[in-house]
Amino acid sequence: MIAELDIVVLTTNIPEQNLLEGDLGTVVMIYNNNAAYEVEFITLYGETVSVSTLTPNQIREIKKGEMPHARNLAA
């Protein structure tokens, strides 16, 4: 069960927000008993890339044994 302040994994690309499948974000709000989530995506320096309202099929919980990966944002 995803809760506020959980780190989640994006399961789909959202190019208009410069987000790619596999990006990690933090749940900052949950709407209507998990019908949607407000998720903040940041750089490793703490700069906000996007705050997105996402549906349950667009994110998932992190899994044991997964490793984060760094990528450069497109200019």
PDB file of N, CA and C in Angstrom:
ATOM      1  N   MET A   1       0.838  -1.177   0.000  1.00  0.00           N
ATOM      2  CA  MET A   1       0.000   0.000   0.000  1.00  0.00           C
ATOM      3  C   MET A   1       0.886   1.243   0.000  1.00  0.00           C
ATOM      4  N   ILE A   2       0.669   2.112  -0.939  1.00  0.00           N
ATOM      5  CA  ILE A   2       1.449   3.341  -1.054  1.00  0.00           C
ATOM      6  C   ILE A   2       0.912   4.373  -0.060  1.00  0.00           C
ATOM      7  N   ALA A   3       1.834   5.019   0.666  1.00  0.00           N
ATOM      8  CA  ALA A   3       1.478   6.018   1.665  1.00  0.00           C
ATOM      9  C   ALA A   3       2.180   7.342   1.351  1.00  0.00           C
ATOM     10  N   GLU A   4       1.703   8.428   1.967  1.00  0.00           N
ATOM     11  CA  GLU A   4       2.372   9.712   1.803  1.00  0.00           C
ATOM     12  C   GLU A   4       3.820   9.598   2.267  1.00  0.00           C
ATOM     13  N   LEU A   5       4.702  10.247   1.531  1.00  0.00           N
ATOM     14  CA  LEU A   5       6.152  10.297   1.728  1.00  0.00           C
ATOM     15  C   LEU A   5       6.871   9.032   1.272  1.00  0.00           C
ATOM     16  N   ASP A   6       6.156   8.062   0.719  1.00  0.00           N
ATOM     17  CA  ASP A   6       6.810   6.894   0.127  1.00  0.00           C
ATOM     18  C   ASP A   6       7.513   7.300  -1.160  1.00  0.00           C
ATOM     19  N   ILE A   7       8.633   6.658  -1.428  1.00  0.00           N
ATOM     20  CA  ILE A   7       9.293   6.785  -2.732  1.00  0.00           C
ATOM     21  C   ILE A   7       8.656   5.760  -3.646  1.00  0.00           C
ATOM     22  N   VAL A   8       8.284   6.208  -4.854  1.00  0.00           N
ATOM     23  CA  VAL A   8       7.634   5.332  -5.822  1.00  0.00           C
ATOM     24  C   VAL A   8       8.378   5.380  -7.148  1.00  0.00           C
ATOM     25  N   VAL A   9       8.092   4.389  -7.991  1.00  0.00           N
ATOM     26  CA  VAL A   9       8.723   4.268  -9.304  1.00  0.00           C
ATOM     27  C   VAL A   9       7.686   4.575 -10.370  1.00  0.00           C
ATOM     28  N   LEU A  10       8.029   5.435 -11.307  1.00  0.00           N
ATOM     29  CA  LEU A  10       7.152   5.749 -12.433  1.00  0.00           C
ATOM     30  C   LEU A  10       7.133   4.559 -13.391  1.00  0.00           C
ATOM     31  N   THR A  11       5.951   4.161 -13.844  1.00  0.00           N
ATOM     32  CA  THR A  11       5.828   2.975 -14.711  1.00  0.00           C
ATOM     33  C   THR A  11       5.583   3.328 -16.174  1.00  0.00           C
ATOM     34  N   THR A  12       5.542   4.612 -16.497  1.00  0.00           N
ATOM     35  CA  THR A  12       5.302   5.053 -17.866  1.00  0.00           C
ATOM     36  C   THR A  12       6.048   6.350 -18.130  1.00  0.00           C
ATOM     37  N   ASN A  13       6.371   6.616 -19.378  1.00  0.00           N
ATOM     38  CA  ASN A  13       6.987   7.887 -19.741  1.00  0.00           C
ATOM     39  C   ASN A  13       5.934   8.989 -19.729  1.00  0.00           C
ATOM     40  N   ILE A  14       6.333  10.175 -19.283  1.00  0.00           N
ATOM     41  CA  ILE A  14       5.493  11.371 -19.374  1.00  0.00           C
ATOM     42  C   ILE A  14       6.380  12.460 -19.982  1.00  0.00           C
ATOM     43  N   PRO A  15       6.552  12.436 -21.306  1.00  0.00           N
ATOM     44  CA  PRO A  15       7.521  13.326 -21.960  1.00  0.00           C
ATOM     45  C   PRO A  15       7.246  14.814 -21.753  1.00  0.00           C
ATOM     46  N   GLU A  16       5.973  15.212 -21.659  1.00  0.00           N
ATOM     47  CA  GLU A  16       5.669  16.633 -21.497  1.00  0.00           C
ATOM     48  C   GLU A  16       6.130  17.164 -20.143  1.00  0.00           C
ATOM     49  N   GLN A  17       6.460  16.272 -19.216  1.00  0.00           N
ATOM     50  CA  GLN A  17       6.982  16.671 -17.907  1.00  0.00           C
ATOM     51  C   GLN A  17       8.435  16.226 -17.728  1.00  0.00           C
ATOM     52  N   ASN A  18       9.049  15.758 -18.816  1.00  0.00           N
ATOM     53  CA  ASN A  18      10.447  15.302 -18.813  1.00  0.00           C
ATOM     54  C   ASN A  18      10.668  14.143 -17.839  1.00  0.00           C
ATOM     55  N   LEU A  19       9.682  13.238 -17.754  1.00  0.00           N
ATOM     56  CA  LEU A  19       9.774  12.080 -16.872  1.00  0.00           C
ATOM     57  C   LEU A  19       9.824  10.801 -17.693  1.00  0.00           C
ATOM     58  N   LEU A  20      10.653   9.866 -17.245  1.00  0.00           N
ATOM     59  CA  LEU A  20      10.806   8.579 -17.925  1.00  0.00           C
ATOM     60  C   LEU A  20      10.463   7.436 -16.985  1.00  0.00           C
ATOM     61  N   GLU A  21       9.969   6.360 -17.576  1.00  0.00           N
ATOM     62  CA  GLU A  21       9.716   5.147 -16.813  1.00  0.00           C
ATOM     63  C   GLU A  21      10.944   4.810 -15.980  1.00  0.00           C
ATOM     64  N   GLY A  22      10.748   4.506 -14.716  1.00  0.00           N
ATOM     65  CA  GLY A  22      11.854   4.184 -13.821  1.00  0.00           C
ATOM     66  C   GLY A  22      12.291   5.342 -12.947  1.00  0.00           C
ATOM     67  N   ASP A  23      11.869   6.582 -13.286  1.00  0.00           N
ATOM     68  CA  ASP A  23      12.205   7.715 -12.425  1.00  0.00           C
ATOM     69  C   ASP A  23      11.567   7.524 -11.055  1.00  0.00           C
ATOM     70  N   LEU A  24      12.246   8.028 -10.022  1.00  0.00           N
ATOM     71  CA  LEU A  24      11.756   7.918  -8.656  1.00  0.00           C
ATOM     72  C   LEU A  24      11.143   9.235  -8.213  1.00  0.00           C
ATOM     73  N   GLY A  25      10.036   9.148  -7.501  1.00  0.00           N
ATOM     74  CA  GLY A  25       9.386  10.332  -6.968  1.00  0.00           C
ATOM     75  C   GLY A  25       8.890  10.066  -5.563  1.00  0.00           C
ATOM     76  N   THR A  26       8.501  11.132  -4.882  1.00  0.00           N
ATOM     77  CA  THR A  26       7.978  11.036  -3.523  1.00  0.00           C
ATOM     78  C   THR A  26       6.507  11.412  -3.518  1.00  0.00           C
ATOM     79  N   VAL A  27       5.687  10.566  -2.921  1.00  0.00           N
ATOM     80  CA  VAL A  27       4.251  10.836  -2.809  1.00  0.00           C
ATOM     81  C   VAL A  27       4.063  11.949  -1.776  1.00  0.00           C
ATOM     82  N   VAL A  28       3.445  13.052  -2.208  1.00  0.00           N
ATOM     83  CA  VAL A  28       3.225  14.175  -1.302  1.00  0.00           C
ATOM     84  C   VAL A  28       1.756  14.309  -0.899  1.00  0.00           C
ATOM     85  N   MET A  29       0.869  13.646  -1.631  1.00  0.00           N
ATOM     86  CA  MET A  29      -0.553  13.667  -1.274  1.00  0.00           C
ATOM     87  C   MET A  29      -1.246  12.483  -1.935  1.00  0.00           C
ATOM     88  N   ILE A  30      -2.245  11.961  -1.243  1.00  0.00           N
ATOM     89  CA  ILE A  30      -3.062  10.867  -1.774  1.00  0.00           C
ATOM     90  C   ILE A  30      -4.496  11.363  -1.867  1.00  0.00           C
ATOM     91  N   TYR A  31      -5.137  11.114  -3.011  1.00  0.00           N
ATOM     92  CA  TYR A  31      -6.504  11.568  -3.250  1.00  0.00           C
ATOM     93  C   TYR A  31      -7.490  10.401  -3.236  1.00  0.00           C
ATOM     94  N   ASN A  32      -8.641  10.608  -2.628  1.00  0.00           N
ATOM     95  CA  ASN A  32      -9.797   9.698  -2.699  1.00  0.00           C
ATOM     96  C   ASN A  32      -9.444   8.227  -2.508  1.00  0.00           C
ATOM     97  N   ASN A  33      -8.888   7.894  -1.348  1.00  0.00           N
ATOM     98  CA  ASN A  33      -8.559   6.491  -1.038  1.00  0.00           C
ATOM     99  C   ASN A  33      -7.720   5.827  -2.118  1.00  0.00           C
ATOM    100  N   ASN A  34      -6.643   6.477  -2.514  1.00  0.00           N
ATOM    101  CA  ASN A  34      -5.660   5.955  -3.471  1.00  0.00           C
ATOM    102  C   ASN A  34      -6.153   5.956  -4.917  1.00  0.00           C
ATOM    103  N   ALA A  35      -7.135   6.805  -5.245  1.00  0.00           N
ATOM    104  CA  ALA A  35      -7.585   6.931  -6.637  1.00  0.00           C
ATOM    105  C   ALA A  35      -6.557   7.682  -7.476  1.00  0.00           C
ATOM    106  N   ALA A  36      -5.773   8.559  -6.827  1.00  0.00           N
ATOM    107  CA  ALA A  36      -4.718   9.311  -7.510  1.00  0.00           C
ATOM    108  C   ALA A  36      -3.685   9.752  -6.477  1.00  0.00           C
ATOM    109  N   TYR A  37      -2.499  10.097  -6.979  1.00  0.00           N
ATOM    110  CA  TYR A  37      -1.386  10.485  -6.114  1.00  0.00           C
ATOM    111  C   TYR A  37      -0.731  11.738  -6.669  1.00  0.00           C
ATOM    112  N   GLU A  38      -0.361  12.642  -5.786  1.00  0.00           N
ATOM    113  CA  GLU A  38       0.472  13.783  -6.156  1.00  0.00           C
ATOM    114  C   GLU A  38       1.903  13.354  -5.850  1.00  0.00           C
ATOM    115  N   VAL A  39       2.757  13.357  -6.875  1.00  0.00           N
ATOM    116  CA  VAL A  39       4.117  12.848  -6.726  1.00  0.00           C
ATOM    117  C   VAL A  39       5.104  13.926  -7.174  1.00  0.00           C
ATOM    118  N   GLU A  40       6.100  14.192  -6.336  1.00  0.00           N
ATOM    119  CA  GLU A  40       7.147  15.155  -6.673  1.00  0.00           C
ATOM    120  C   GLU A  40       8.384  14.406  -7.149  1.00  0.00           C
ATOM    121  N   PHE A  41       8.901  14.840  -8.292  1.00  0.00           N
ATOM    122  CA  PHE A  41      10.134  14.292  -8.856  1.00  0.00           C
ATOM    123  C   PHE A  41      11.195  15.381  -8.770  1.00  0.00           C
ATOM    124  N   ILE A  42      12.364  15.029  -8.218  1.00  0.00           N
ATOM    125  CA  ILE A  42      13.432  16.011  -8.027  1.00  0.00           C
ATOM    126  C   ILE A  42      14.746  15.506  -8.608  1.00  0.00           C
ATOM    127  N   THR A  43      15.669  16.457  -8.842  1.00  0.00           N
ATOM    128  CA  THR A  43      17.028  16.089  -9.229  1.00  0.00           C
ATOM    129  C   THR A  43      17.788  15.646  -7.983  1.00  0.00           C
ATOM    130  N   LEU A  44      18.978  15.120  -8.168  1.00  0.00           N
ATOM    131  CA  LEU A  44      19.803  14.711  -7.027  1.00  0.00           C
ATOM    132  C   LEU A  44      20.273  15.914  -6.207  1.00  0.00           C
ATOM    133  N   TYR A  45      20.135  17.129  -6.751  1.00  0.00           N
ATOM    134  CA  TYR A  45      20.462  18.347  -6.015  1.00  0.00           C
ATOM    135  C   TYR A  45      19.247  18.953  -5.324  1.00  0.00           C
ATOM    136  N   GLY A  46      18.105  18.276  -5.396  1.00  0.00           N
ATOM    137  CA  GLY A  46      16.921  18.729  -4.699  1.00  0.00           C
ATOM    138  C   GLY A  46      16.052  19.707  -5.457  1.00  0.00           C
ATOM    139  N   GLU A  47      16.334  19.921  -6.748  1.00  0.00           N
ATOM    140  CA  GLU A  47      15.523  20.824  -7.564  1.00  0.00           C
ATOM    141  C   GLU A  47      14.310  20.071  -8.098  1.00  0.00           C
ATOM    142  N   THR A  48      13.134  20.658  -7.969  1.00  0.00           N
ATOM    143  CA  THR A  48      11.914  20.014  -8.444  1.00  0.00           C
ATOM    144  C   THR A  48      11.894  19.986  -9.970  1.00  0.00           C
ATOM    145  N   VAL A  49      11.668  18.808 -10.523  1.00  0.00           N
ATOM    146  CA  VAL A  49      11.499  18.624 -11.967  1.00  0.00           C
ATOM    147  C   VAL A  49      10.020  18.706 -12.312  1.00  0.00           C
ATOM    148  N   SER A  50       9.188  18.055 -11.489  1.00  0.00           N
ATOM    149  CA  SER A  50       7.761  18.005 -11.751  1.00  0.00           C
ATOM    150  C   SER A  50       7.022  17.625 -10.482  1.00  0.00           C
ATOM    151  N   VAL A  51       5.825  18.178 -10.341  1.00  0.00           N
ATOM    152  CA  VAL A  51       4.866  17.692  -9.356  1.00  0.00           C
ATOM    153  C   VAL A  51       3.668  17.248 -10.186  1.00  0.00           C
ATOM    154  N   SER A  52       3.395  15.950 -10.171  1.00  0.00           N
ATOM    155  CA  SER A  52       2.430  15.355 -11.092  1.00  0.00           C
ATOM    156  C   SER A  52       1.339  14.619 -10.347  1.00  0.00           C
ATOM    157  N   THR A  53       0.116  14.738 -10.851  1.00  0.00           N
ATOM    158  CA  THR A  53      -0.997  13.942 -10.338  1.00  0.00           C
ATOM    159  C   THR A  53      -1.069  12.679 -11.187  1.00  0.00           C
ATOM    160  N   LEU A  54      -0.887  11.538 -10.539  1.00  0.00           N
ATOM    161  CA  LEU A  54      -0.763  10.272 -11.253  1.00  0.00           C
ATOM    162  C   LEU A  54      -1.780   9.254 -10.755  1.00  0.00           C
ATOM    163  N   THR A  55      -2.154   8.349 -11.635  1.00  0.00           N
ATOM    164  CA  THR A  55      -3.071   7.272 -11.282  1.00  0.00           C
ATOM    165  C   THR A  55      -2.281   6.064 -10.777  1.00  0.00           C
ATOM    166  N   PRO A  56      -2.947   5.135 -10.104  1.00  0.00           N
ATOM    167  CA  PRO A  56      -2.234   3.972  -9.567  1.00  0.00           C
ATOM    168  C   PRO A  56      -1.481   3.149 -10.619  1.00  0.00           C
ATOM    169  N   ASN A  57      -1.940   3.135 -11.855  1.00  0.00           N
ATOM    170  CA  ASN A  57      -1.235   2.359 -12.878  1.00  0.00           C
ATOM    171  C   ASN A  57      -0.003   3.084 -13.417  1.00  0.00           C
ATOM    172  N   GLN A  58       0.236   4.323 -13.003  1.00  0.00           N
ATOM    173  CA  GLN A  58       1.411   5.067 -13.465  1.00  0.00           C
ATOM    174  C   GLN A  58       2.580   5.004 -12.489  1.00  0.00           C
ATOM    175  N   ILE A  59       2.347   4.476 -11.295  1.00  0.00           N
ATOM    176  CA  ILE A  59       3.420   4.346 -10.304  1.00  0.00           C
ATOM    177  C   ILE A  59       3.326   2.985  -9.624  1.00  0.00           C
ATOM    178  N   ARG A  60       4.426   2.609  -8.982  1.00  0.00           N
ATOM    179  CA  ARG A  60       4.432   1.378  -8.192  1.00  0.00           C
ATOM    180  C   ARG A  60       5.377   1.567  -7.015  1.00  0.00           C
ATOM    181  N   GLU A  61       5.239   0.684  -6.043  1.00  0.00           N
ATOM    182  CA  GLU A  61       6.145   0.692  -4.902  1.00  0.00           C
ATOM    183  C   GLU A  61       7.534   0.234  -5.347  1.00  0.00           C
ATOM    184  N   ILE A  62       8.557   0.673  -4.613  1.00  0.00           N
ATOM    185  CA  ILE A  62       9.888   0.158  -4.887  1.00  0.00           C
ATOM    186  C   ILE A  62       9.959  -1.288  -4.403  1.00  0.00           C
ATOM    187  N   LYS A  63      10.863  -2.060  -5.015  1.00  0.00           N
ATOM    188  CA  LYS A  63      11.005  -3.472  -4.663  1.00  0.00           C
ATOM    189  C   LYS A  63      12.388  -3.727  -4.072  1.00  0.00           C
ATOM    190  N   LYS A  64      12.456  -4.684  -3.173  1.00  0.00           N
ATOM    191  CA  LYS A  64      13.727  -5.073  -2.570  1.00  0.00           C
ATOM    192  C   LYS A  64      14.696  -5.477  -3.678  1.00  0.00           C
ATOM    193  N   GLY A  65      15.908  -5.009  -3.566  1.00  0.00           N
ATOM    194  CA  GLY A  65      16.947  -5.364  -4.525  1.00  0.00           C
ATOM    195  C   GLY A  65      17.079  -4.403  -5.696  1.00  0.00           C
ATOM    196  N   GLU A  66      16.193  -3.397  -5.789  1.00  0.00           N
ATOM    197  CA  GLU A  66      16.306  -2.425  -6.873  1.00  0.00           C
ATOM    198  C   GLU A  66      17.348  -1.370  -6.516  1.00  0.00           C
ATOM    199  N   MET A  67      17.995  -0.826  -7.552  1.00  0.00           N
ATOM    200  CA  MET A  67      19.011   0.195  -7.371  1.00  0.00           C
ATOM    201  C   MET A  67      18.610   1.435  -8.145  1.00  0.00           C
ATOM    202  N   PRO A  68      18.741   2.647  -7.540  1.00  0.00           N
ATOM    203  CA  PRO A  68      18.437   3.864  -8.289  1.00  0.00           C
ATOM    204  C   PRO A  68      19.463   4.083  -9.397  1.00  0.00           C
ATOM    205  N   HIS A  69      19.079   4.872 -10.376  1.00  0.00           N
ATOM    206  CA  HIS A  69      19.928   5.146 -11.529  1.00  0.00           C
ATOM    207  C   HIS A  69      19.874   6.630 -11.834  1.00  0.00           C
ATOM    208  N   ALA A  70      21.017   7.256 -12.072  1.00  0.00           N
ATOM    209  CA  ALA A  70      21.057   8.683 -12.404  1.00  0.00           C
ATOM    210  C   ALA A  70      21.021   8.878 -13.911  1.00  0.00           C
ATOM    211  N   ARG A  71      20.333   9.947 -14.355  1.00  0.00           N
ATOM    212  CA  ARG A  71      20.309  10.322 -15.771  1.00  0.00           C
ATOM    213  C   ARG A  71      20.322  11.826 -15.891  1.00  0.00           C
ATOM    214  N   ASN A  72      20.831  12.324 -16.999  1.00  0.00           N
ATOM    215  CA  ASN A  72      20.816  13.765 -17.265  1.00  0.00           C
ATOM    216  C   ASN A  72      19.481  14.163 -17.850  1.00  0.00           C
ATOM    217  N   LEU A  73      18.962  15.308 -17.450  1.00  0.00           N
ATOM    218  CA  LEU A  73      17.737  15.820 -18.030  1.00  0.00           C
ATOM    219  C   LEU A  73      18.069  16.473 -19.366  1.00  0.00           C
ATOM    220  N   ALA A  74      17.176  16.322 -20.323  1.00  0.00           N
ATOM    221  CA  ALA A  74      17.367  16.968 -21.625  1.00  0.00           C
ATOM    222  C   ALA A  74      17.338  18.479 -21.435  1.00  0.00           C
ATOM    223  N   ALA A  75      18.134  19.166 -22.201  1.00  0.00           N
ATOM    224  CA  ALA A  75      18.201  20.649 -22.097  1.00  0.00           C
ATOM    225  C   ALA A  75      16.914  21.281 -22.572  1.00  0.00           C
TER     226      ALA A  75
END
